[in-house]
Every structure is written in structure tokens, then in C-alpha cells.
Amino acid sequence: MRILSVNRSLPQTIEWQGKSVTTGIFKIPVSEPIPVDSDGLNGDGQADLSVHGGIDKAVYAFPHEHYQHFAELLDRDPNDLPCGQFGENLSTEGLLETEVMIGDRFRIGDSAEFEVSQPREPCFKLGVILQAPQVLRPFLKSLKTGFYLRVVKNGVIQAGDQIHKIHSAENSLSVADITRLKHFDKDHIVDRQKAATLPALTQSWREALHKTTDAK
């Protein structure tokens, strides 16, 4: 497991469908070592902290293995999709949503440590960067969403760093399962109740799962 690319950007304002949109989704690969702390990567930023960023969603990781899938979906040449094209901070290799569990912890580089906190939910800005508004629903249904990380130990990371699992969350659920339970398998009450009690899952997702479970 390793980091193929570290990507960052500060928010910028663009024109989209006749409106001004401020977004930090246009991530650019960087080759130099980048400090990371509880706020995320040094030099990175998000426009809407209610959706992205903050302590529980400080860093967004996206498996580079999915680039081929979405290139085919969008009828694009994979070479036209550089790292960072899905708004990710970390383009990873060897970490898939079906295997990564909420609460798993990883060390990247010599010191930085991260904990998996929730799946990514796409907003319209993914359609902006891909110039494909129709991609949002297929992106979510694919369960190939990537996932957010909270920083549990500050450090410095860079492209090429190895990723080491240092803690496996017991009795947890995978990132893919959490997405499926919240958005698609809403009748699986027992699994949804379990998901809603996972301590490492972000509060907003636990509340959403509790709310829909209690409504049954």
C-alpha cells in the first residue's frame, strides 16, 4: 500500500452554468514533503466546511484503482484524468472501500497517523471538475467513493510513501458497507443499528443512520 500522489489546493471561485462557485476541489499534485495536522494538509483548503474538511474529514483519500472505471464510465482516456481529479488529497494504491473499515488506522511516512472516519458523499462540485454533472449518482452507486481520514498524529507525507496499517477496527463495517447501508439498503435494520453505534464514524453519519433506523 502506498501513496501515488499528494494533492492540494486552496479554494478558488469559478463560473459554472452561469453562476459563481467557490470550491477547493481542483487539487494539484505536489512532489515535495507536506506537513499534515488535524486541520489537514498544509496549503490545502475547502470552501464549504459543513461538507468537507474539519477535524473528522481533514484528509480525503481516493483509490487510484478506480480511475480506469470512471474513465470508461465517462468515455474518457485515463491519461486525461491526472491524480487529484476526484478532489482527493491522497491518491492511494492498495486501499479499497470493500476492505478498509471505519476506525482502521494507518501510518504514512515516518510519523503521520490517520483514522478512517466516513465515506465520501459526492456533491455537485465533483460534476464540475469532471465536467459531467450526470456522474454523481453512478459514483455513489458504485461504492467507489473513497473515504475521509482524521489525523491522529501530525507528521510529514509525500508521494511514494508507504502506507502501514497500525490498527484494525474490531466489529466494524467497511467503507463500502456504510455507504450501502445509508443510501441503498435502508431495510437492513440490524446492520444500520450497528453502523450507527460505530465510535469512529463521524457524528453526522451516526445521526443520519439513527434517524432513519428509528423511523422504521
C-alpha atoms as a PDB file:
ATOM      1  CA  MET A   1       0.000   0.000   0.000  1.00  0.00           C
ATOM      2  CA  ARG A   2       1.333   3.404  -0.893  1.00  0.00           C
ATOM      3  CA  ILE A   3       0.597   6.998  -1.768  1.00  0.00           C
ATOM      4  CA  LEU A   4       0.811   7.585  -5.510  1.00  0.00           C
ATOM      5  CA  SER A   5       0.187  11.311  -5.262  1.00  0.00           C
ATOM      6  CA  VAL A   6      -0.374  14.013  -2.634  1.00  0.00           C
ATOM      7  CA  ASN A   7      -2.725  16.709  -3.919  1.00  0.00           C
ATOM      8  CA  ARG A   8      -3.777  20.056  -2.507  1.00  0.00           C
ATOM      9  CA  SER A   9      -5.288  23.429  -3.401  1.00  0.00           C
ATOM     10  CA  LEU A  10      -6.823  26.470  -1.823  1.00  0.00           C
ATOM     11  CA  PRO A  11     -10.400  27.442  -2.680  1.00  0.00           C
ATOM     12  CA  GLN A  12     -10.978  29.377  -5.882  1.00  0.00           C
ATOM     13  CA  THR A  13     -14.032  30.933  -7.489  1.00  0.00           C
ATOM     14  CA  ILE A  14     -15.061  29.765 -10.951  1.00  0.00           C
ATOM     15  CA  GLU A  15     -18.025  30.222 -13.271  1.00  0.00           C
ATOM     16  CA  TRP A  16     -20.298  27.183 -13.602  1.00  0.00           C
ATOM     17  CA  GLN A  17     -23.569  27.161 -15.507  1.00  0.00           C
ATOM     18  CA  GLY A  18     -23.870  30.931 -15.233  1.00  0.00           C
ATOM     19  CA  LYS A  19     -23.108  31.099 -11.510  1.00  0.00           C
ATOM     20  CA  SER A  20     -20.020  31.843  -9.423  1.00  0.00           C
ATOM     21  CA  VAL A  21     -18.919  28.778  -7.440  1.00  0.00           C
ATOM     22  CA  THR A  22     -16.198  28.759  -4.790  1.00  0.00           C
ATOM     23  CA  THR A  23     -14.541  25.368  -4.441  1.00  0.00           C
ATOM     24  CA  GLY A  24     -11.383  23.683  -3.279  1.00  0.00           C
ATOM     25  CA  ILE A  25     -11.898  20.586  -5.430  1.00  0.00           C
ATOM     26  CA  PHE A  26      -9.233  21.410  -8.027  1.00  0.00           C
ATOM     27  CA  LYS A  27      -6.407  19.555  -6.294  1.00  0.00           C
ATOM     28  CA  ILE A  28      -2.920  19.736  -7.803  1.00  0.00           C
ATOM     29  CA  PRO A  29      -0.245  17.039  -7.257  1.00  0.00           C
ATOM     30  CA  VAL A  30       2.802  18.164  -5.300  1.00  0.00           C
ATOM     31  CA  SER A  31       6.115  16.332  -5.126  1.00  0.00           C
ATOM     32  CA  GLU A  32       7.649  17.909  -2.036  1.00  0.00           C
ATOM     33  CA  PRO A  33       7.055  16.709   1.548  1.00  0.00           C
ATOM     34  CA  ILE A  34       3.865  18.214   3.009  1.00  0.00           C
ATOM     35  CA  PRO A  35       3.183  18.690   6.746  1.00  0.00           C
ATOM     36  CA  VAL A  36      -0.183  17.367   7.921  1.00  0.00           C
ATOM     37  CA  ASP A  37      -2.041  18.041  11.155  1.00  0.00           C
ATOM     38  CA  SER A  38      -5.609  17.877  12.483  1.00  0.00           C
ATOM     39  CA  ASP A  39      -6.698  20.560  10.003  1.00  0.00           C
ATOM     40  CA  GLY A  40      -5.378  18.586   7.021  1.00  0.00           C
ATOM     41  CA  LEU A  41      -2.549  19.184   4.586  1.00  0.00           C
ATOM     42  CA  ASN A  42      -0.509  22.343   4.862  1.00  0.00           C
ATOM     43  CA  GLY A  43      -1.543  24.618   1.996  1.00  0.00           C
ATOM     44  CA  ASP A  44      -4.852  22.864   1.379  1.00  0.00           C
ATOM     45  CA  GLY A  45      -8.343  24.219   1.955  1.00  0.00           C
ATOM     46  CA  GLN A  46     -12.047  23.645   1.425  1.00  0.00           C
ATOM     47  CA  ALA A  47     -14.739  26.125   0.533  1.00  0.00           C
ATOM     48  CA  ASP A  48     -17.649  24.580   2.488  1.00  0.00           C
ATOM     49  CA  LEU A  49     -16.556  23.175   5.840  1.00  0.00           C
ATOM     50  CA  SER A  50     -20.036  21.826   6.502  1.00  0.00           C
ATOM     51  CA  VAL A  51     -19.441  19.234   3.783  1.00  0.00           C
ATOM     52  CA  HIS A  52     -15.671  18.792   3.506  1.00  0.00           C
ATOM     53  CA  GLY A  53     -12.781  19.371   5.851  1.00  0.00           C
ATOM     54  CA  GLY A  54     -12.726  19.867   9.599  1.00  0.00           C
ATOM     55  CA  ILE A  55     -11.131  17.548  12.131  1.00  0.00           C
ATOM     56  CA  ASP A  56     -13.215  14.494  11.190  1.00  0.00           C
ATOM     57  CA  LYS A  57     -12.729  14.983   7.441  1.00  0.00           C
ATOM     58  CA  ALA A  58      -9.276  16.503   7.381  1.00  0.00           C
ATOM     59  CA  VAL A  59      -7.906  14.417   4.510  1.00  0.00           C
ATOM     60  CA  TYR A  60      -9.700  12.748   1.607  1.00  0.00           C
ATOM     61  CA  ALA A  61      -8.235   9.531   0.164  1.00  0.00           C
ATOM     62  CA  PHE A  62      -9.335   8.018  -3.134  1.00  0.00           C
ATOM     63  CA  PRO A  63      -8.116   4.695  -4.555  1.00  0.00           C
ATOM     64  CA  HIS A  64      -6.327   5.263  -7.845  1.00  0.00           C
ATOM     65  CA  GLU A  65      -7.534   1.827  -8.937  1.00  0.00           C
ATOM     66  CA  HIS A  66     -10.918   3.449  -9.639  1.00  0.00           C
ATOM     67  CA  TYR A  67      -9.591   5.838 -12.273  1.00  0.00           C
ATOM     68  CA  GLN A  68      -9.959   3.223 -15.017  1.00  0.00           C
ATOM     69  CA  HIS A  69     -13.576   2.511 -14.007  1.00  0.00           C
ATOM     70  CA  PHE A  70     -14.593   6.149 -14.166  1.00  0.00           C
ATOM     71  CA  ALA A  71     -12.625   6.816 -17.331  1.00  0.00           C
ATOM     72  CA  GLU A  72     -14.718   4.128 -19.007  1.00  0.00           C
ATOM     73  CA  LEU A  73     -17.922   5.481 -17.465  1.00  0.00           C
ATOM     74  CA  LEU A  74     -17.142   8.978 -18.730  1.00  0.00           C
ATOM     75  CA  ASP A  75     -15.799   7.729 -22.067  1.00  0.00           C
ATOM     76  CA  ARG A  76     -12.502   9.431 -21.334  1.00  0.00           C
ATOM     77  CA  ASP A  77      -8.879   8.475 -21.830  1.00  0.00           C
ATOM     78  CA  PRO A  78      -7.437   7.588 -18.382  1.00  0.00           C
ATOM     79  CA  ASN A  79      -4.427   9.741 -19.288  1.00  0.00           C
ATOM     80  CA  ASP A  80      -6.780  12.729 -19.296  1.00  0.00           C
ATOM     81  CA  LEU A  81      -7.542  12.136 -15.610  1.00  0.00           C
ATOM     82  CA  PRO A  82      -4.499  13.232 -13.584  1.00  0.00           C
ATOM     83  CA  CYS A  83      -4.187  12.451  -9.888  1.00  0.00           C
ATOM     84  CA  GLY A  84      -6.382  14.746  -7.849  1.00  0.00           C
ATOM     85  CA  GLN A  85      -9.121  14.727 -10.475  1.00  0.00           C
ATOM     86  CA  PHE A  86     -11.682  13.454  -7.966  1.00  0.00           C
ATOM     87  CA  GLY A  87     -10.780  16.129  -5.453  1.00  0.00           C
ATOM     88  CA  GLU A  88      -8.690  13.774  -3.363  1.00  0.00           C
ATOM     89  CA  ASN A  89      -5.769  14.759  -1.182  1.00  0.00           C
ATOM     90  CA  LEU A  90      -4.271  11.288  -1.366  1.00  0.00           C
ATOM     91  CA  SER A  91      -4.337   9.142  -4.496  1.00  0.00           C
ATOM     92  CA  THR A  92      -3.751   5.702  -2.982  1.00  0.00           C
ATOM     93  CA  GLU A  93      -2.838   2.214  -4.108  1.00  0.00           C
ATOM     94  CA  GLY A  94      -3.943  -0.890  -2.210  1.00  0.00           C
ATOM     95  CA  LEU A  95      -6.741   0.597  -0.084  1.00  0.00           C
ATOM     96  CA  LEU A  96     -10.193  -0.355  -1.358  1.00  0.00           C
ATOM     97  CA  GLU A  97     -13.523   0.583   0.217  1.00  0.00           C
ATOM     98  CA  THR A  98     -14.575  -3.067   0.480  1.00  0.00           C
ATOM     99  CA  GLU A  99     -11.552  -3.789   2.683  1.00  0.00           C
ATOM    100  CA  VAL A 100     -10.959  -0.569   4.614  1.00  0.00           C
ATOM    101  CA  MET A 101     -13.002  -0.450   7.826  1.00  0.00           C
ATOM    102  CA  ILE A 102     -14.335   2.562   9.679  1.00  0.00           C
ATOM    103  CA  GLY A 103     -11.872   3.088  12.534  1.00  0.00           C
ATOM    104  CA  ASP A 104      -8.885   1.463  10.842  1.00  0.00           C
ATOM    105  CA  ARG A 105      -5.683   3.389  11.462  1.00  0.00           C
ATOM    106  CA  PHE A 106      -2.744   3.838   9.113  1.00  0.00           C
ATOM    107  CA  ARG A 107       0.721   5.336   9.345  1.00  0.00           C
ATOM    108  CA  ILE A 108       2.017   7.154   6.291  1.00  0.00           C
ATOM    109  CA  GLY A 109       5.670   8.068   6.074  1.00  0.00           C
ATOM    110  CA  ASP A 110       7.688   8.071   9.276  1.00  0.00           C
ATOM    111  CA  SER A 111       5.191   9.544  11.701  1.00  0.00           C
ATOM    112  CA  ALA A 112       1.788  10.751  10.421  1.00  0.00           C
ATOM    113  CA  GLU A 113      -1.142   8.601  11.562  1.00  0.00           C
ATOM    114  CA  PHE A 114      -4.710   8.617  10.247  1.00  0.00           C
ATOM    115  CA  GLU A 115      -8.069   7.089  11.183  1.00  0.00           C
ATOM    116  CA  VAL A 116     -10.832   6.252   8.702  1.00  0.00           C
ATOM    117  CA  SER A 117     -13.894   8.320   9.628  1.00  0.00           C
ATOM    118  CA  GLN A 118     -16.536   8.124   6.856  1.00  0.00           C
ATOM    119  CA  PRO A 119     -17.152   7.545   3.143  1.00  0.00           C
ATOM    120  CA  ARG A 120     -17.231  10.456   0.714  1.00  0.00           C
ATOM    121  CA  GLU A 121     -20.620  11.697  -0.475  1.00  0.00           C
ATOM    122  CA  PRO A 122     -20.303  13.459  -3.834  1.00  0.00           C
ATOM    123  CA  CYS A 123     -21.675  16.954  -4.233  1.00  0.00           C
ATOM    124  CA  PHE A 124     -22.267  18.855  -7.466  1.00  0.00           C
ATOM    125  CA  LYS A 125     -18.659  20.067  -7.462  1.00  0.00           C
ATOM    126  CA  LEU A 126     -17.475  16.587  -8.491  1.00  0.00           C
ATOM    127  CA  GLY A 127     -19.536  17.104 -11.629  1.00  0.00           C
ATOM    128  CA  VAL A 128     -17.863  20.492 -12.054  1.00  0.00           C
ATOM    129  CA  ILE A 129     -14.295  19.188 -12.035  1.00  0.00           C
ATOM    130  CA  LEU A 130     -15.182  16.214 -14.245  1.00  0.00           C
ATOM    131  CA  GLN A 131     -17.423  18.368 -16.452  1.00  0.00           C
ATOM    132  CA  ALA A 132     -20.027  15.643 -16.066  1.00  0.00           C
ATOM    133  CA  PRO A 133     -22.959  16.502 -13.772  1.00  0.00           C
ATOM    134  CA  GLN A 134     -24.514  13.117 -14.524  1.00  0.00           C
ATOM    135  CA  VAL A 135     -21.702  11.281 -12.714  1.00  0.00           C
ATOM    136  CA  LEU A 136     -22.943  11.861  -9.156  1.00  0.00           C
ATOM    137  CA  ARG A 137     -25.459   9.034  -8.855  1.00  0.00           C
ATOM    138  CA  PRO A 138     -23.287   6.416 -10.619  1.00  0.00           C
ATOM    139  CA  PHE A 139     -20.370   7.500  -8.424  1.00  0.00           C
ATOM    140  CA  LEU A 140     -22.356   6.848  -5.256  1.00  0.00           C
ATOM    141  CA  LYS A 141     -23.937   3.607  -6.516  1.00  0.00           C
ATOM    142  CA  SER A 142     -20.539   2.210  -7.470  1.00  0.00           C
ATOM    143  CA  LEU A 143     -19.471   2.376  -3.795  1.00  0.00           C
ATOM    144  CA  LYS A 144     -16.117   3.536  -5.184  1.00  0.00           C
ATOM    145  CA  THR A 145     -16.290   6.765  -3.233  1.00  0.00           C
ATOM    146  CA  GLY A 146     -13.017   6.988  -1.369  1.00  0.00           C
ATOM    147  CA  PHE A 147     -13.053   7.938   2.299  1.00  0.00           C
ATOM    148  CA  TYR A 148     -12.171  10.642   4.769  1.00  0.00           C
ATOM    149  CA  LEU A 149      -9.435  10.453   7.360  1.00  0.00           C
ATOM    150  CA  ARG A 150      -8.917  12.259  10.629  1.00  0.00           C
ATOM    151  CA  VAL A 151      -5.318  12.967  11.592  1.00  0.00           C
ATOM    152  CA  VAL A 152      -4.459  11.341  14.918  1.00  0.00           C
ATOM    153  CA  LYS A 153      -0.741  12.124  14.831  1.00  0.00           C
ATOM    154  CA  ASN A 154       0.879  15.015  12.996  1.00  0.00           C
ATOM    155  CA  GLY A 155       3.655  14.321  10.521  1.00  0.00           C
ATOM    156  CA  VAL A 156       5.015  14.886   7.056  1.00  0.00           C
ATOM    157  CA  ILE A 157       3.931  12.916   3.982  1.00  0.00           C
ATOM    158  CA  GLN A 158       4.790  12.844   0.296  1.00  0.00           C
ATOM    159  CA  ALA A 159       4.154  10.917  -2.899  1.00  0.00           C
ATOM    160  CA  GLY A 160       5.711   7.467  -2.816  1.00  0.00           C
ATOM    161  CA  ASP A 161       5.296   6.975   0.940  1.00  0.00           C
ATOM    162  CA  GLN A 162       4.289   3.516   2.093  1.00  0.00           C
ATOM    163  CA  ILE A 163       1.006   3.061   3.966  1.00  0.00           C
ATOM    164  CA  HIS A 164       1.122   0.775   7.006  1.00  0.00           C
ATOM    165  CA  LYS A 165      -1.958  -0.429   8.846  1.00  0.00           C
ATOM    166  CA  ILE A 166      -1.288   0.018  12.564  1.00  0.00           C
ATOM    167  CA  HIS A 167      -4.744  -0.777  13.931  1.00  0.00           C
ATOM    168  CA  SER A 168      -7.629  -2.889  12.640  1.00  0.00           C
ATOM    169  CA  ALA A 169     -11.014  -1.752  13.918  1.00  0.00           C
ATOM    170  CA  GLU A 170     -12.815  -4.677  15.538  1.00  0.00           C
ATOM    171  CA  ASN A 171     -16.522  -5.332  14.954  1.00  0.00           C
ATOM    172  CA  SER A 172     -16.646  -2.510  12.437  1.00  0.00           C
ATOM    173  CA  LEU A 173     -18.024  -2.198   8.923  1.00  0.00           C
ATOM    174  CA  SER A 174     -16.280  -1.403   5.676  1.00  0.00           C
ATOM    175  CA  VAL A 175     -16.471   1.964   3.966  1.00  0.00           C
ATOM    176  CA  ALA A 176     -18.464   0.361   1.138  1.00  0.00           C
ATOM    177  CA  ASP A 177     -20.918  -1.223   3.592  1.00  0.00           C
ATOM    178  CA  ILE A 178     -21.516   2.092   5.355  1.00  0.00           C
ATOM    179  CA  THR A 179     -22.310   3.814   2.056  1.00  0.00           C
ATOM    180  CA  ARG A 180     -24.603   0.976   1.026  1.00  0.00           C
ATOM    181  CA  LEU A 181     -26.477   0.986   4.340  1.00  0.00           C
ATOM    182  CA  LYS A 182     -27.019   4.724   4.420  1.00  0.00           C
ATOM    183  CA  HIS A 183     -28.098   5.205   0.829  1.00  0.00           C
ATOM    184  CA  PHE A 184     -29.375   1.922  -0.595  1.00  0.00           C
ATOM    185  CA  ASP A 185     -30.080  -0.904   1.896  1.00  0.00           C
ATOM    186  CA  LYS A 186     -32.312   1.028   4.250  1.00  0.00           C
ATOM    187  CA  ASP A 187     -34.294  -2.057   5.300  1.00  0.00           C
ATOM    188  CA  HIS A 188     -31.259  -3.752   6.846  1.00  0.00           C
ATOM    189  CA  ILE A 189     -32.160  -2.524  10.315  1.00  0.00           C
ATOM    190  CA  VAL A 190     -29.711  -4.616  12.363  1.00  0.00           C
ATOM    191  CA  ASP A 191     -26.722  -3.615  10.258  1.00  0.00           C
ATOM    192  CA  ARG A 192     -27.841   0.013  10.244  1.00  0.00           C
ATOM    193  CA  GLN A 193     -28.152  -0.009  14.034  1.00  0.00           C
ATOM    194  CA  LYS A 194     -24.634  -1.408  14.277  1.00  0.00           C
ATOM    195  CA  ALA A 195     -23.313   1.228  11.889  1.00  0.00           C
ATOM    196  CA  ALA A 196     -24.971   3.989  13.908  1.00  0.00           C
ATOM    197  CA  THR A 197     -23.004   2.990  17.009  1.00  0.00           C
ATOM    198  CA  LEU A 198     -19.522   2.859  15.478  1.00  0.00           C
ATOM    199  CA  PRO A 199     -17.464   5.278  17.608  1.00  0.00           C
ATOM    200  CA  ALA A 200     -15.052   6.189  14.811  1.00  0.00           C
ATOM    201  CA  LEU A 201     -17.841   7.072  12.364  1.00  0.00           C
ATOM    202  CA  THR A 202     -18.475  10.804  12.123  1.00  0.00           C
ATOM    203  CA  GLN A 203     -21.319  12.157  14.228  1.00  0.00           C
ATOM    204  CA  SER A 204     -23.305  13.336  11.212  1.00  0.00           C
ATOM    205  CA  TRP A 205     -23.357   9.846   9.703  1.00  0.00           C
ATOM    206  CA  ARG A 206     -24.226   8.206  13.036  1.00  0.00           C
ATOM    207  CA  GLU A 207     -27.092  10.648  13.499  1.00  0.00           C
ATOM    208  CA  ALA A 208     -28.367  10.042   9.970  1.00  0.00           C
ATOM    209  CA  LEU A 209     -28.325   6.287  10.467  1.00  0.00           C
ATOM    210  CA  HIS A 210     -30.032   6.590  13.873  1.00  0.00           C
ATOM    211  CA  LYS A 211     -32.716   8.829  12.409  1.00  0.00           C
ATOM    212  CA  THR A 212     -33.642   6.555   9.534  1.00  0.00           C
ATOM    213  CA  THR A 213     -33.447   3.447  11.742  1.00  0.00           C
ATOM    214  CA  ASP A 214     -35.730   4.981  14.374  1.00  0.00           C
ATOM    215  CA  ALA A 215     -38.222   5.918  11.659  1.00  0.00           C
ATOM    216  CA  LYS A 216     -38.802   2.278  10.760  1.00  0.00           C
END
